[in-house]
């Protein structure tokens, strides 16, 4: 499942980099700009699962309470597998923020991101987003 000319990969890379930049700026309209109305998102803090764009949007309230604009939300590693109408991306990212249970973590913390996309009316739309952190036990 890969396009030979790399166009889909470049489009998706730009979409994800733009999303990360929007997160750093706390620009909610730009954060959700490429998400499908029926997005399914699994996250680290509750709720475990968010269904639909309205629920996805509301998860950012908690994030913004602990993450200051301009703090790290950086892509350290990104892999993209793209076909003509469906694609997946997997990333290791770094987030510089406070935690719910304690003070800011020096240099932030790493987390995993997986995104599933479909091409709808010629544009890539995020259908699925999954954030996770390595287990500590």
Protein backbone atom coordinates (compact mmCIF):
# COMPACT_ATOMS: atom_id res chain seq x y z
CA UNK A 1 0.00 0.00 0.00
CA UNK A 2 2.28 2.82 -1.12
CA UNK A 3 2.23 5.49 -3.78
CA UNK A 4 5.36 5.42 -5.90
CA UNK A 5 5.71 9.17 -6.38
CA UNK A 6 5.60 9.99 -2.65
CA UNK A 7 2.91 12.66 -3.07
CA UNK A 8 0.59 11.12 -0.48
CA UNK A 9 3.43 10.74 2.01
CA UNK A 10 4.47 14.38 1.55
CA UNK A 11 0.87 15.59 1.95
CA UNK A 12 0.39 13.55 5.13
CA UNK A 13 3.76 14.62 6.56
CA UNK A 14 2.79 18.28 6.02
CA UNK A 15 -0.63 17.67 7.59
CA UNK A 16 0.90 16.08 10.72
CA UNK A 17 3.63 18.72 11.03
CA UNK A 18 0.97 21.44 10.70
CA UNK A 19 -1.16 19.71 13.36
CA UNK A 20 1.82 19.59 15.78
CA UNK A 21 2.55 23.26 15.12
CA UNK A 22 -1.11 24.13 15.79
CA UNK A 23 -0.90 22.26 19.10
CA UNK A 24 2.19 24.27 20.11
CA UNK A 25 0.24 27.47 19.32
CA UNK A 26 -3.00 26.27 21.02
CA UNK A 27 -4.83 26.97 17.74
CA UNK A 28 -7.86 24.69 18.12
CA UNK A 29 -9.41 25.43 14.68
CA UNK A 30 -6.09 24.45 13.04
CA UNK A 31 -5.75 21.39 15.30
CA UNK A 32 -9.09 19.98 14.11
CA UNK A 33 -8.91 21.27 10.52
CA UNK A 34 -8.10 17.86 8.99
CA UNK A 35 -10.08 15.63 11.36
CA UNK A 36 -13.19 13.82 10.16
CA UNK A 37 -16.54 14.54 11.83
CA UNK A 38 -16.61 10.88 12.92
CA UNK A 39 -13.07 10.76 14.37
CA UNK A 40 -12.32 8.04 16.91
CA UNK A 41 -9.55 9.00 19.32
CA UNK A 42 -7.94 6.98 22.11
CA UNK A 43 -5.98 9.05 24.61
CA UNK A 44 -3.83 8.69 27.70
CA UNK A 45 -5.93 10.79 30.13
CA UNK A 46 -9.66 10.11 30.45
CA UNK A 47 -11.82 9.76 28.60
CA UNK A 48 -10.22 6.64 27.19
CA UNK A 49 -12.14 7.01 23.92
CA UNK A 50 -13.64 10.07 22.21
CA UNK A 51 -16.17 9.62 19.42
CA UNK A 52 -16.85 12.43 16.99
CA UNK A 53 -15.32 15.83 16.38
CA UNK A 54 -17.11 17.59 19.27
CA UNK A 55 -15.76 15.05 21.78
CA UNK A 56 -12.28 15.25 20.23
CA UNK A 57 -12.32 19.06 20.47
CA UNK A 58 -13.24 18.94 24.15
CA UNK A 59 -10.19 16.80 25.02
CA UNK A 60 -7.94 19.75 24.24
CA UNK A 61 -9.31 21.73 27.24
CA UNK A 62 -7.45 19.41 29.64
CA UNK A 63 -4.31 19.42 27.50
CA UNK A 64 -4.19 23.22 27.32
CA UNK A 65 -4.52 23.42 31.13
CA UNK A 66 -1.17 21.61 31.49
CA UNK A 67 0.66 22.63 28.32
CA UNK A 68 1.70 26.23 27.77
CA UNK A 69 1.80 27.69 24.24
CA UNK A 70 5.24 27.27 22.73
CA UNK A 71 6.22 24.25 24.83
CA UNK A 72 7.55 21.18 23.05
CA UNK A 73 5.13 19.16 20.97
CA UNK A 74 7.76 17.77 18.67
CA UNK A 75 7.89 14.92 16.20
CA UNK A 76 11.05 12.91 16.88
CA UNK A 77 10.34 10.07 14.46
CA UNK A 78 7.59 9.70 11.84
CA UNK A 79 6.73 6.81 9.52
CA UNK A 80 3.98 6.97 6.91
CA UNK A 81 2.41 4.19 4.86
CA UNK A 82 0.10 5.58 2.17
CA UNK A 83 -2.02 4.19 -0.60
CA UNK A 84 -4.36 6.03 -2.94
CA UNK A 85 -7.23 6.37 -0.45
CA UNK A 86 -6.01 5.13 2.95
CA UNK A 87 -2.91 5.76 5.03
CA UNK A 88 -1.38 5.21 8.45
CA UNK A 89 1.23 7.21 10.29
CA UNK A 90 3.16 6.25 13.42
CA UNK A 91 5.28 8.68 15.38
CA UNK A 92 7.35 9.08 18.49
CA UNK A 93 6.78 12.56 19.86
CA UNK A 94 7.91 14.69 22.77
CA UNK A 95 5.55 16.81 24.82
CA UNK A 96 6.87 19.42 27.23
CA UNK A 97 4.22 19.98 29.85
CA UNK A 98 3.23 19.50 33.41
CA UNK A 99 1.56 16.26 34.35
CA UNK A 100 -1.80 15.88 36.02
CA UNK A 101 -0.12 14.42 39.11
CA UNK A 102 3.00 16.53 39.37
CA UNK A 103 5.29 19.34 38.21
CA UNK A 104 6.62 19.83 34.69
CA UNK A 105 8.82 17.04 33.41
CA UNK A 106 12.30 18.34 32.43
CA UNK A 107 12.61 18.19 28.64
CA UNK A 108 9.04 16.84 28.47
CA UNK A 109 8.08 13.23 27.98
CA UNK A 110 7.86 10.90 25.01
CA UNK A 111 4.60 9.49 23.73
CA UNK A 112 3.45 7.43 20.77
CA UNK A 113 1.03 8.63 18.11
CA UNK A 114 -0.78 6.52 15.55
CA UNK A 115 -3.05 8.12 12.96
CA UNK A 116 -5.34 6.51 10.37
CA UNK A 117 -6.39 8.63 7.41
CA UNK A 118 -8.72 8.34 4.42
CA UNK A 119 -8.79 10.49 1.33
CA UNK A 120 -12.18 12.21 1.11
CA UNK A 121 -13.02 14.48 -1.84
CA UNK A 122 -9.33 14.68 -2.72
CA UNK A 123 -8.09 15.64 0.76
CA UNK A 124 -6.63 13.55 3.57
CA UNK A 125 -8.89 13.37 6.65
CA UNK A 126 -7.86 11.93 10.02
CA UNK A 127 -10.30 9.17 10.92
CA UNK A 128 -8.46 7.66 13.88
CA UNK A 129 -5.94 9.06 16.36
CA UNK A 130 -4.29 7.14 19.21
CA UNK A 131 -1.91 8.53 21.83
CA UNK A 132 -0.09 6.26 24.26
CA UNK A 133 2.83 6.20 26.66
CA UNK A 134 5.03 3.24 27.55
CA UNK A 135 3.90 1.33 30.62
CA UNK A 136 6.05 1.95 33.67
CA UNK A 137 5.34 -1.37 35.42
